[in-house]
C-alpha atoms as a PDB file:
ATOM      1  CA  MET A   1       0.168  -0.023  -0.166  1.00  0.00           C
ATOM      2  CA  GLN A   2       1.298   3.770  -1.171  1.00  0.00           C
ATOM      3  CA  LYS A   3       2.246   5.722   1.992  1.00  0.00           C
ATOM      4  CA  PRO A   4       1.627   9.265   2.117  1.00  0.00           C
ATOM      5  CA  ILE A   5       3.812  11.481  -0.345  1.00  0.00           C
ATOM      6  CA  LEU A   6       4.264  15.212  -0.246  1.00  0.00           C
ATOM      7  CA  ILE A   7       5.285  17.562  -3.467  1.00  0.00           C
ATOM      8  CA  LEU A   8       7.387  20.613  -3.044  1.00  0.00           C
ATOM      9  CA  GLY A   9       6.492  22.837  -5.715  1.00  0.00           C
ATOM     10  CA  ALA A  10       3.558  21.219  -6.814  1.00  0.00           C
ATOM     11  CA  CYS A  11       2.235  24.599  -8.634  1.00  0.00           C
ATOM     12  CA  GLY A  12       4.942  24.618 -11.061  1.00  0.00           C
ATOM     13  CA  GLN A  13       5.088  23.222 -14.925  1.00  0.00           C
ATOM     14  CA  ILE A  14       5.749  19.707 -13.824  1.00  0.00           C
ATOM     15  CA  GLY A  15       4.432  20.073 -10.270  1.00  0.00           C
ATOM     16  CA  THR A  16       1.031  20.357 -11.047  1.00  0.00           C
ATOM     17  CA  GLU A  17       0.427  17.516 -13.937  1.00  0.00           C
ATOM     18  CA  LEU A  18       2.593  15.198 -11.492  1.00  0.00           C
ATOM     19  CA  THR A  19       0.541  15.908  -8.145  1.00  0.00           C
ATOM     20  CA  MET A  20      -2.788  15.335 -10.388  1.00  0.00           C
ATOM     21  CA  GLU A  21      -1.193  12.260 -11.879  1.00  0.00           C
ATOM     22  CA  LEU A  22      -0.454  10.808  -8.683  1.00  0.00           C
ATOM     23  CA  ARG A  23      -3.388  11.775  -6.799  1.00  0.00           C
ATOM     24  CA  SER A  24      -5.009   9.878  -9.563  1.00  0.00           C
ATOM     25  CA  LYS A  25      -2.883   6.971  -9.225  1.00  0.00           C
ATOM     26  CA  TYR A  26      -2.607   6.484  -5.752  1.00  0.00           C
ATOM     27  CA  GLY A  27      -5.711   8.545  -4.022  1.00  0.00           C
ATOM     28  CA  SER A  28      -6.310  12.382  -3.377  1.00  0.00           C
ATOM     29  CA  ASP A  29      -5.653  11.999   0.362  1.00  0.00           C
ATOM     30  CA  ILE A  30      -2.440  10.487   0.199  1.00  0.00           C
ATOM     31  CA  VAL A  31      -0.687  12.692  -1.803  1.00  0.00           C
ATOM     32  CA  VAL A  32      -0.014  16.264  -0.018  1.00  0.00           C
ATOM     33  CA  ALA A  33       0.886  19.106  -2.615  1.00  0.00           C
ATOM     34  CA  SER A  34       2.605  22.209  -1.230  1.00  0.00           C
ATOM     35  CA  ASP A  35       3.952  25.503  -3.021  1.00  0.00           C
ATOM     36  CA  ILE A  36       5.059  28.894  -1.784  1.00  0.00           C
ATOM     37  CA  ARG A  37       1.731  29.988  -3.593  1.00  0.00           C
ATOM     38  CA  GLU A  38      -1.220  27.786  -4.475  1.00  0.00           C
ATOM     39  CA  GLY A  39      -2.088  26.904  -7.724  1.00  0.00           C
ATOM     40  CA  ASN A  40      -4.845  26.385  -9.799  1.00  0.00           C
ATOM     41  CA  ASP A  41      -8.259  25.405  -9.255  1.00  0.00           C
ATOM     42  CA  THR A  42      -8.001  22.250 -10.035  1.00  0.00           C
ATOM     43  CA  LEU A  43      -5.066  21.675  -8.216  1.00  0.00           C
ATOM     44  CA  MET A  44      -6.591  23.306  -4.610  1.00  0.00           C
ATOM     45  CA  GLU A  45      -9.503  21.555  -5.096  1.00  0.00           C
ATOM     46  CA  SER A  46      -8.342  17.988  -5.809  1.00  0.00           C
ATOM     47  CA  GLY A  47      -6.948  17.204  -2.389  1.00  0.00           C
ATOM     48  CA  PRO A  48      -4.913  18.480   0.569  1.00  0.00           C
ATOM     49  CA  PHE A  49      -2.353  21.687   0.143  1.00  0.00           C
ATOM     50  CA  GLU A  50      -0.013  23.222   2.334  1.00  0.00           C
ATOM     51  CA  LEU A  51       1.558  26.911   2.005  1.00  0.00           C
ATOM     52  CA  LEU A  52       5.465  25.862   2.089  1.00  0.00           C
ATOM     53  CA  ASP A  53       8.652  27.426   1.750  1.00  0.00           C
ATOM     54  CA  ALA A  54      11.269  24.687   0.134  1.00  0.00           C
ATOM     55  CA  THR A  55      13.929  26.354   1.860  1.00  0.00           C
ATOM     56  CA  ASN A  56      12.405  26.406   5.310  1.00  0.00           C
ATOM     57  CA  TYR A  57      13.613  22.879   7.203  1.00  0.00           C
ATOM     58  CA  GLU A  58      11.415  23.261  10.080  1.00  0.00           C
ATOM     59  CA  ALA A  59       8.033  23.877   8.208  1.00  0.00           C
ATOM     60  CA  ILE A  60       8.610  20.980   5.749  1.00  0.00           C
ATOM     61  CA  GLU A  61       9.260  18.734   8.710  1.00  0.00           C
ATOM     62  CA  ASP A  62       6.435  19.908  10.303  1.00  0.00           C
ATOM     63  CA  VAL A  63       4.269  18.942   7.356  1.00  0.00           C
ATOM     64  CA  VAL A  64       6.735  15.596   7.090  1.00  0.00           C
ATOM     65  CA  MET A  65       5.559  14.982  10.934  1.00  0.00           C
ATOM     66  CA  HIS A  66       1.631  15.802  10.697  1.00  0.00           C
ATOM     67  CA  TYR A  67       1.184  13.892   7.720  1.00  0.00           C
ATOM     68  CA  GLU A  68       3.359  10.998   8.359  1.00  0.00           C
ATOM     69  CA  ILE A  69       4.847  11.431   4.488  1.00  0.00           C
ATOM     70  CA  ASP A  70       7.338   8.749   3.512  1.00  0.00           C
ATOM     71  CA  GLU A  71       8.219  10.283   0.069  1.00  0.00           C
ATOM     72  CA  VAL A  72       9.043  13.643  -0.632  1.00  0.00           C
ATOM     73  CA  TYR A  73       8.883  14.594  -4.740  1.00  0.00           C
ATOM     74  CA  LEU A  74      11.151  17.838  -4.837  1.00  0.00           C
ATOM     75  CA  MET A  75      10.132  20.105  -7.481  1.00  0.00           C
ATOM     76  CA  ALA A  76      10.531  23.428  -6.504  1.00  0.00           C
ATOM     77  CA  ALA A  77      13.610  25.269  -8.680  1.00  0.00           C
ATOM     78  CA  MET A  78      14.558  28.113 -10.216  1.00  0.00           C
ATOM     79  CA  LEU A  79      14.991  27.716 -13.858  1.00  0.00           C
ATOM     80  CA  SER A  80      17.607  28.386 -16.346  1.00  0.00           C
ATOM     81  CA  ALA A  81      16.832  31.406 -17.712  1.00  0.00           C
ATOM     82  CA  THR A  82      15.416  32.985 -14.991  1.00  0.00           C
ATOM     83  CA  ALA A  83      18.254  31.963 -12.509  1.00  0.00           C
ATOM     84  CA  GLU A  84      20.481  33.753 -14.851  1.00  0.00           C
ATOM     85  CA  LYS A  85      18.464  37.032 -13.614  1.00  0.00           C
ATOM     86  CA  PHE A  86      18.899  36.088  -9.949  1.00  0.00           C
ATOM     87  CA  PRO A  87      21.979  33.838  -9.429  1.00  0.00           C
ATOM     88  CA  MET A  88      22.371  34.233  -5.707  1.00  0.00           C
ATOM     89  CA  ARG A  89      18.446  33.160  -5.285  1.00  0.00           C
ATOM     90  CA  ALA A  90      18.363  30.324  -7.484  1.00  0.00           C
ATOM     91  CA  TRP A  91      21.473  28.976  -5.689  1.00  0.00           C
ATOM     92  CA  ASN A  92      19.852  29.519  -2.129  1.00  0.00           C
ATOM     93  CA  LEU A  93      16.180  27.665  -3.639  1.00  0.00           C
ATOM     94  CA  ASN A  94      17.935  25.110  -5.812  1.00  0.00           C
ATOM     95  CA  MET A  95      20.953  23.628  -3.242  1.00  0.00           C
ATOM     96  CA  ASN A  96      18.697  24.536   0.277  1.00  0.00           C
ATOM     97  CA  SER A  97      15.796  22.883  -0.607  1.00  0.00           C
ATOM     98  CA  LEU A  98      17.635  19.867  -1.781  1.00  0.00           C
ATOM     99  CA  PHE A  99      19.996  19.666   1.526  1.00  0.00           C
ATOM    100  CA  ASN A 100      16.314  19.921   3.605  1.00  0.00           C
ATOM    101  CA  VAL A 101      15.102  16.568   1.731  1.00  0.00           C
ATOM    102  CA  LEU A 102      18.512  14.958   2.045  1.00  0.00           C
ATOM    103  CA  ASN A 103      18.566  15.532   5.782  1.00  0.00           C
ATOM    104  CA  LEU A 104      15.326  14.315   6.557  1.00  0.00           C
ATOM    105  CA  ALA A 105      16.017  11.337   4.979  1.00  0.00           C
ATOM    106  CA  LYS A 106      19.546  10.813   6.629  1.00  0.00           C
ATOM    107  CA  ASP A 107      17.445  11.482  10.050  1.00  0.00           C
ATOM    108  CA  LYS A 108      14.794   8.392   9.034  1.00  0.00           C
ATOM    109  CA  LYS A 109      12.038  10.963   9.328  1.00  0.00           C
ATOM    110  CA  ILE A 110      11.474   9.968   5.196  1.00  0.00           C
ATOM    111  CA  SER A 111      12.214   6.998   2.918  1.00  0.00           C
ATOM    112  CA  LYS A 112      12.683   8.221  -0.523  1.00  0.00           C
ATOM    113  CA  ILE A 113      12.802  10.978  -2.735  1.00  0.00           C
ATOM    114  CA  PHE A 114      12.638  12.394  -6.394  1.00  0.00           C
ATOM    115  CA  TRP A 115      14.842  14.846  -7.143  1.00  0.00           C
ATOM    116  CA  PRO A 116      14.721  16.565 -10.796  1.00  0.00           C
ATOM    117  CA  SER A 117      17.893  17.333 -12.677  1.00  0.00           C
ATOM    118  CA  SER A 118      18.264  18.439 -15.905  1.00  0.00           C
ATOM    119  CA  ILE A 119      20.313  18.525 -19.234  1.00  0.00           C
ATOM    120  CA  ALA A 120      21.494  21.781 -17.751  1.00  0.00           C
ATOM    121  CA  VAL A 121      24.042  19.814 -16.091  1.00  0.00           C
ATOM    122  CA  PHE A 122      25.983  19.441 -19.566  1.00  0.00           C
ATOM    123  CA  GLY A 123      28.147  22.300 -20.658  1.00  0.00           C
ATOM    124  CA  PRO A 124      30.007  23.792 -24.352  1.00  0.00           C
ATOM    125  CA  ASN A 125      32.609  20.846 -23.913  1.00  0.00           C
ATOM    126  CA  THR A 126      30.099  18.197 -23.779  1.00  0.00           C
ATOM    127  CA  PRO A 127      29.438  15.861 -26.869  1.00  0.00           C
ATOM    128  CA  LYS A 128      26.527  17.096 -28.354  1.00  0.00           C
ATOM    129  CA  GLU A 129      25.406  14.204 -30.306  1.00  0.00           C
ATOM    130  CA  ASN A 130      23.899  11.313 -28.151  1.00  0.00           C
ATOM    131  CA  THR A 131      25.316  12.803 -25.017  1.00  0.00           C
ATOM    132  CA  ALA A 132      26.145   9.893 -22.928  1.00  0.00           C
ATOM    133  CA  GLN A 133      25.620   9.269 -19.165  1.00  0.00           C
ATOM    134  CA  ASN A 134      29.187  10.022 -18.036  1.00  0.00           C
ATOM    135  CA  VAL A 135      30.882  12.611 -19.725  1.00  0.00           C
ATOM    136  CA  ILE A 136      32.570  15.847 -19.474  1.00  0.00           C
ATOM    137  CA  MET A 137      30.058  18.575 -17.809  1.00  0.00           C
ATOM    138  CA  GLU A 138      31.209  21.826 -17.169  1.00  0.00           C
ATOM    139  CA  PRO A 139      27.849  23.714 -16.706  1.00  0.00           C
ATOM    140  CA  SER A 140      28.065  27.203 -17.787  1.00  0.00           C
ATOM    141  CA  THR A 141      24.569  28.580 -16.187  1.00  0.00           C
ATOM    142  CA  VAL A 142      23.897  28.879 -12.520  1.00  0.00           C
ATOM    143  CA  TYR A 143      20.933  26.290 -12.807  1.00  0.00           C
ATOM    144  CA  GLY A 144      23.125  24.023 -14.446  1.00  0.00           C
ATOM    145  CA  ILE A 145      25.749  24.381 -11.949  1.00  0.00           C
ATOM    146  CA  SER A 146      23.298  24.036  -9.196  1.00  0.00           C
ATOM    147  CA  LYS A 147      22.055  20.814 -10.462  1.00  0.00           C
ATOM    148  CA  GLN A 148      25.354  19.249 -11.523  1.00  0.00           C
ATOM    149  CA  ALA A 149      26.031  20.119  -7.702  1.00  0.00           C
ATOM    150  CA  GLY A 150      22.628  18.388  -6.744  1.00  0.00           C
ATOM    151  CA  GLU A 151      23.598  15.258  -8.183  1.00  0.00           C
ATOM    152  CA  ARG A 152      27.120  14.942  -6.407  1.00  0.00           C
ATOM    153  CA  TRP A 153      25.179  15.543  -3.075  1.00  0.00           C
ATOM    154  CA  CYS A 154      22.753  13.226  -3.910  1.00  0.00           C
ATOM    155  CA  GLU A 155      25.300  10.195  -4.906  1.00  0.00           C
ATOM    156  CA  TYR A 156      27.110  11.410  -1.844  1.00  0.00           C
ATOM    157  CA  TYR A 157      23.999  10.895   0.423  1.00  0.00           C
ATOM    158  CA  PHE A 158      22.911   7.692  -0.917  1.00  0.00           C
ATOM    159  CA  ASN A 159      26.882   6.522  -0.414  1.00  0.00           C
ATOM    160  CA  LYS A 160      27.775   7.803   2.811  1.00  0.00           C
ATOM    161  CA  TYR A 161      24.048   7.592   4.439  1.00  0.00           C
ATOM    162  CA  GLY A 162      22.043   5.321   2.451  1.00  0.00           C
ATOM    163  CA  VAL A 163      19.359   7.802   1.257  1.00  0.00           C
ATOM    164  CA  ASP A 164      17.199   6.377  -1.380  1.00  0.00           C
ATOM    165  CA  VAL A 165      17.150   9.399  -3.658  1.00  0.00           C
ATOM    166  CA  ARG A 166      16.031   8.678  -7.205  1.00  0.00           C
ATOM    167  CA  SER A 167      16.741  11.187 -10.076  1.00  0.00           C
ATOM    168  CA  VAL A 168      16.467  12.047 -13.757  1.00  0.00           C
ATOM    169  CA  ARG A 169      17.844  14.633 -16.003  1.00  0.00           C
ATOM    170  CA  TYR A 170      14.857  16.154 -17.828  1.00  0.00           C
ATOM    171  CA  PRO A 171      15.246  17.364 -20.901  1.00  0.00           C
ATOM    172  CA  GLY A 172      12.936  20.226 -22.506  1.00  0.00           C
ATOM    173  CA  LEU A 173       9.268  19.865 -21.441  1.00  0.00           C
ATOM    174  CA  ILE A 174       5.967  20.336 -23.574  1.00  0.00           C
ATOM    175  CA  SER A 175       2.663  20.543 -21.802  1.00  0.00           C
ATOM    176  CA  TRP A 176      -0.774  22.121 -22.771  1.00  0.00           C
ATOM    177  CA  LYS A 177      -1.865  22.053 -19.261  1.00  0.00           C
ATOM    178  CA  THR A 178       0.552  24.386 -17.554  1.00  0.00           C
ATOM    179  CA  MET A 179       2.630  27.527 -19.095  1.00  0.00           C
ATOM    180  CA  PRO A 180       6.330  26.944 -18.674  1.00  0.00           C
ATOM    181  CA  GLY A 181       8.412  28.685 -15.867  1.00  0.00           C
ATOM    182  CA  GLY A 182      11.140  30.860 -17.292  1.00  0.00           C
ATOM    183  CA  GLY A 183      13.461  28.001 -18.858  1.00  0.00           C
ATOM    184  CA  THR A 184      15.560  28.244 -21.922  1.00  0.00           C
ATOM    185  CA  THR A 185      13.120  25.603 -24.168  1.00  0.00           C
ATOM    186  CA  ASP A 186       9.891  27.593 -23.327  1.00  0.00           C
ATOM    187  CA  TYR A 187       9.662  27.999 -27.073  1.00  0.00           C
ATOM    188  CA  ALA A 188       8.240  24.396 -27.174  1.00  0.00           C
ATOM    189  CA  VAL A 189       5.150  25.811 -25.281  1.00  0.00           C
ATOM    190  CA  GLU A 190       4.685  29.296 -26.355  1.00  0.00           C
ATOM    191  CA  ILE A 191       4.839  28.421 -30.104  1.00  0.00           C
ATOM    192  CA  TYR A 192       1.266  26.514 -29.883  1.00  0.00           C
ATOM    193  CA  HIS A 193      -0.349  29.251 -28.131  1.00  0.00           C
ATOM    194  CA  LYS A 194       1.194  31.563 -30.605  1.00  0.00           C
ATOM    195  CA  ALA A 195       0.019  29.326 -33.735  1.00  0.00           C
ATOM    196  CA  LEU A 196      -3.647  29.280 -32.782  1.00  0.00           C
ATOM    197  CA  GLU A 197      -4.093  32.603 -31.115  1.00  0.00           C
ATOM    198  CA  GLU A 198      -1.855  34.515 -33.612  1.00  0.00           C
ATOM    199  CA  GLY A 199      -1.067  32.437 -36.392  1.00  0.00           C
ATOM    200  CA  GLU A 200       2.691  33.425 -35.863  1.00  0.00           C
ATOM    201  CA  TYR A 201       5.511  33.483 -33.527  1.00  0.00           C
ATOM    202  CA  LYS A 202       8.852  35.315 -32.752  1.00  0.00           C
ATOM    203  CA  CYS A 203      11.275  32.417 -31.340  1.00  0.00           C
ATOM    204  CA  PHE A 204      13.898  33.759 -28.920  1.00  0.00           C
ATOM    205  CA  LEU A 205      16.080  30.658 -30.478  1.00  0.00           C
ATOM    206  CA  ASP A 206      17.710  30.158 -33.758  1.00  0.00           C
ATOM    207  CA  LYS A 207      15.975  27.931 -36.228  1.00  0.00           C
ATOM    208  CA  ASP A 208      18.720  25.569 -36.061  1.00  0.00           C
ATOM    209  CA  THR A 209      19.021  25.110 -32.719  1.00  0.00           C
ATOM    210  CA  LYS A 210      18.413  21.168 -31.695  1.00  0.00           C
ATOM    211  CA  LEU A 211      17.750  20.175 -28.440  1.00  0.00           C
ATOM    212  CA  PRO A 212      16.330  17.295 -26.299  1.00  0.00           C
ATOM    213  CA  MET A 213      12.258  17.274 -26.186  1.00  0.00           C
ATOM    214  CA  MET A 214       9.825  15.422 -24.222  1.00  0.00           C
ATOM    215  CA  TYR A 215       6.191  15.444 -23.828  1.00  0.00           C
ATOM    216  CA  MET A 216       4.826  15.660 -20.303  1.00  0.00           C
ATOM    217  CA  ASP A 217       3.231  13.121 -20.480  1.00  0.00           C
ATOM    218  CA  ASP A 218       6.235  10.848 -20.961  1.00  0.00           C
ATOM    219  CA  ALA A 219       7.867  12.847 -18.627  1.00  0.00           C
ATOM    220  CA  ILE A 220       5.210  11.859 -15.489  1.00  0.00           C
ATOM    221  CA  ARG A 221       5.616   8.479 -16.512  1.00  0.00           C
ATOM    222  CA  ALA A 222       9.227   7.967 -16.381  1.00  0.00           C
ATOM    223  CA  THR A 223       9.145   9.962 -12.769  1.00  0.00           C
ATOM    224  CA  ILE A 224       6.620   7.720 -11.301  1.00  0.00           C
ATOM    225  CA  ASN A 225       8.201   4.688 -12.937  1.00  0.00           C
ATOM    226  CA  LEU A 226      11.553   5.487 -11.531  1.00  0.00           C
ATOM    227  CA  MET A 227      10.053   5.816  -8.157  1.00  0.00           C
ATOM    228  CA  GLU A 228       8.296   2.528  -8.293  1.00  0.00           C
ATOM    229  CA  SER A 229      11.665   0.432  -9.457  1.00  0.00           C
ATOM    230  CA  PRO A 230      12.771  -1.878  -7.301  1.00  0.00           C
ATOM    231  CA  VAL A 231      15.922  -0.597  -5.369  1.00  0.00           C
ATOM    232  CA  GLU A 232      18.130  -3.417  -6.795  1.00  0.00           C
ATOM    233  CA  ASN A 233      17.242  -2.672 -10.259  1.00  0.00           C
ATOM    234  CA  LEU A 234      18.956   1.211  -9.900  1.00  0.00           C
ATOM    235  CA  LYS A 235      22.385   1.519 -10.650  1.00  0.00           C
ATOM    236  CA  ILE A 236      22.997   5.267 -10.805  1.00  0.00           C
ATOM    237  CA  ARG A 237      22.458   7.501  -7.912  1.00  0.00           C
ATOM    238  CA  SER A 238      23.230  10.875  -9.100  1.00  0.00           C
ATOM    239  CA  SER A 239      20.740  11.322 -12.249  1.00  0.00           C
ATOM    240  CA  TYR A 240      19.603   9.243 -15.020  1.00  0.00           C
ATOM    241  CA  ASN A 241      19.642  10.533 -18.406  1.00  0.00           C
ATOM    242  CA  LEU A 242      16.165  10.661 -20.026  1.00  0.00           C
ATOM    243  CA  GLY A 243      15.583  10.531 -23.790  1.00  0.00           C
ATOM    244  CA  SER A 244      12.913  11.335 -26.222  1.00  0.00           C
ATOM    245  CA  MET A 245      12.804  13.477 -29.150  1.00  0.00           C
ATOM    246  CA  SER A 246      15.456  15.976 -30.664  1.00  0.00           C
ATOM    247  CA  PHE A 247      14.626  18.771 -33.324  1.00  0.00           C
ATOM    248  CA  ASN A 248      15.100  22.673 -33.724  1.00  0.00           C
ATOM    249  CA  PRO A 249      12.483  25.312 -34.150  1.00  0.00           C
ATOM    250  CA  GLU A 250      12.144  24.566 -37.612  1.00  0.00           C
ATOM    251  CA  GLU A 251      10.922  21.217 -37.456  1.00  0.00           C
ATOM    252  CA  MET A 252       8.830  22.140 -34.871  1.00  0.00           C
ATOM    253  CA  ALA A 253       7.083  24.757 -37.053  1.00  0.00           C
ATOM    254  CA  GLN A 254       6.794  22.785 -39.814  1.00  0.00           C
ATOM    255  CA  SER A 255       5.088  20.073 -37.545  1.00  0.00           C
ATOM    256  CA  ILE A 256       2.864  22.948 -36.739  1.00  0.00           C
ATOM    257  CA  GLN A 257       2.036  23.852 -40.373  1.00  0.00           C
ATOM    258  CA  LYS A 258       0.564  20.396 -41.333  1.00  0.00           C
ATOM    259  CA  HIS A 259      -2.119  21.305 -39.257  1.00  0.00           C
ATOM    260  CA  ILE A 260      -1.987  25.337 -39.647  1.00  0.00           C
ATOM    261  CA  PRO A 261      -0.611  25.800 -43.148  1.00  0.00           C
ATOM    262  CA  ASP A 262      -0.422  29.783 -42.850  1.00  0.00           C
ATOM    263  CA  PHE A 263       1.391  29.723 -39.406  1.00  0.00           C
ATOM    264  CA  LYS A 264       4.624  31.753 -39.607  1.00  0.00           C
ATOM    265  CA  VAL A 265       7.461  32.122 -37.801  1.00  0.00           C
ATOM    266  CA  THR A 266      10.383  34.318 -37.371  1.00  0.00           C
ATOM    267  CA  TYR A 267      13.513  34.040 -35.457  1.00  0.00           C
ATOM    268  CA  ALA A 268      15.106  36.705 -32.869  1.00  0.00           C
ATOM    269  CA  PRO A 269      17.526  35.047 -30.683  1.00  0.00           C
ATOM    270  CA  ASP A 270      18.199  36.502 -27.434  1.00  0.00           C
ATOM    271  CA  PHE A 271      20.501  35.534 -24.118  1.00  0.00           C
ATOM    272  CA  ARG A 272      18.670  32.403 -23.799  1.00  0.00           C
ATOM    273  CA  GLN A 273      20.815  31.133 -27.029  1.00  0.00           C
ATOM    274  CA  GLN A 274      23.726  31.177 -25.202  1.00  0.00           C
ATOM    275  CA  ILE A 275      22.268  29.078 -22.662  1.00  0.00           C
ATOM    276  CA  ALA A 276      20.610  26.546 -25.452  1.00  0.00           C
ATOM    277  CA  ASP A 277      24.151  26.302 -27.402  1.00  0.00           C
ATOM    278  CA  SER A 278      25.687  24.940 -24.464  1.00  0.00           C
ATOM    279  CA  TRP A 279      23.665  22.178 -24.225  1.00  0.00           C
ATOM    280  CA  PRO A 280      23.414  18.400 -26.252  1.00  0.00           C
ATOM    281  CA  SER A 281      21.405  18.040 -28.889  1.00  0.00           C
ATOM    282  CA  SER A 282      20.180  14.409 -28.602  1.00  0.00           C
ATOM    283  CA  ILE A 283      20.652  11.925 -25.534  1.00  0.00           C
ATOM    284  CA  ASP A 284      21.768   8.629 -24.569  1.00  0.00           C
ATOM    285  CA  ASP A 285      19.303   7.230 -22.132  1.00  0.00           C
ATOM    286  CA  THR A 286      20.744   3.492 -22.525  1.00  0.00           C
ATOM    287  CA  ASN A 287      21.092   3.288 -18.457  1.00  0.00           C
ATOM    288  CA  ALA A 288      17.199   4.182 -18.148  1.00  0.00           C
ATOM    289  CA  ARG A 289      16.105   1.980 -20.510  1.00  0.00           C
ATOM    290  CA  LYS A 290      18.254  -0.980 -19.343  1.00  0.00           C
ATOM    291  CA  ASP A 291      17.715  -0.542 -15.592  1.00  0.00           C
ATOM    292  CA  TRP A 292      14.007   0.418 -15.225  1.00  0.00           C
ATOM    293  CA  GLY A 293      12.473  -0.194 -18.904  1.00  0.00           C
ATOM    294  CA  TRP A 294      12.133   3.137 -19.771  1.00  0.00           C
ATOM    295  CA  VAL A 295      10.821   3.759 -23.244  1.00  0.00           C
ATOM    296  CA  PRO A 296       9.322   7.256 -24.617  1.00  0.00           C
ATOM    297  CA  GLU A 297       5.644   7.253 -26.113  1.00  0.00           C
ATOM    298  CA  PHE A 298       5.381  10.430 -27.899  1.00  0.00           C
ATOM    299  CA  ASP A 299       7.651  11.493 -30.913  1.00  0.00           C
ATOM    300  CA  LEU A 300       7.135  15.138 -32.546  1.00  0.00           C
ATOM    301  CA  PRO A 301       4.376  14.570 -34.832  1.00  0.00           C
ATOM    302  CA  ALA A 302       2.056  13.070 -31.913  1.00  0.00           C
ATOM    303  CA  THR A 303       3.273  15.956 -29.594  1.00  0.00           C
ATOM    304  CA  THR A 304       2.072  18.465 -32.231  1.00  0.00           C
ATOM    305  CA  LYS A 305      -1.067  16.727 -32.630  1.00  0.00           C
ATOM    306  CA  GLU A 306      -2.185  16.566 -28.794  1.00  0.00           C
ATOM    307  CA  MET A 307      -0.716  19.801 -28.203  1.00  0.00           C
ATOM    308  CA  LEU A 308      -3.305  21.651 -30.768  1.00  0.00           C
ATOM    309  CA  ASP A 309      -6.093  19.379 -30.263  1.00  0.00           C
ATOM    310  CA  ASN A 310      -6.064  20.060 -26.527  1.00  0.00           C
ATOM    311  CA  LEU A 311      -5.188  23.818 -26.694  1.00  0.00           C
ATOM    312  CA  ARG A 312      -7.931  24.287 -29.181  1.00  0.00           C
ATOM    313  CA  LYS A 313     -10.715  22.231 -26.537  1.00  0.00           C
ATOM    314  CA  HIS A 314      -9.556  24.548 -23.718  1.00  0.00           C
END
């Protein structure tokens, strides 16, 4: 039987959908959502919610004790583009929140953690194509530095204290349910909204910027699959490479034009271009496939159809 779960950062792009999926899978009462602000009506009405600052250890500990929480999903973070504007705030949020949950697990107050890493851990000297699990990293963004440091700490807490912390390196994520929150791959969501609302889009990345991407349903499924995997199957305690599809803005525009022929895209790269240029263009996720059976379900044509169909409905 599933024991109580706490989600920190439940109102963000991933957190919102993860909360709803976990509630539908395990039952609403068993999944406690929390964030520094309230979320949308659907999330707020679907089960218990706590206003909670992920950098406040005592506040998290109180909620953990009150609900007898067993697992924590730490989804609170400042993403790549926003973090470049507020480096110290990003470092404080991204690192202190992680230490809080790692220390709760070290002290046996919770038994399992999910913490997301990112393709931002890779840097300009990383091989671009089919980027392997273990390669040179040297991230060049605050977000990437915090995620790489986080991976090392997760592995350290597992090796030193036996903390069961699990992680994947998310690629760019695409969802129709929630707007993205200040990442370098946000164009891949904005573009669908603009295609339907205005018939044109000005992209902040160059048309040839190929990046690893994933439809949100796949990302949520991967997260839950990893958390449900038998502990003996997991060989990597830093963070698993997670792959699905890779494309550039031009290819995405073409996939939309098959449904909206008059859709036009122009390109005006901004500061996010430099971040994107430091990231891989495709990911080798052999370890995730081998260790816990990861297989993505959505490619670009399927993603475009899902996005346009659902945005039209809603």
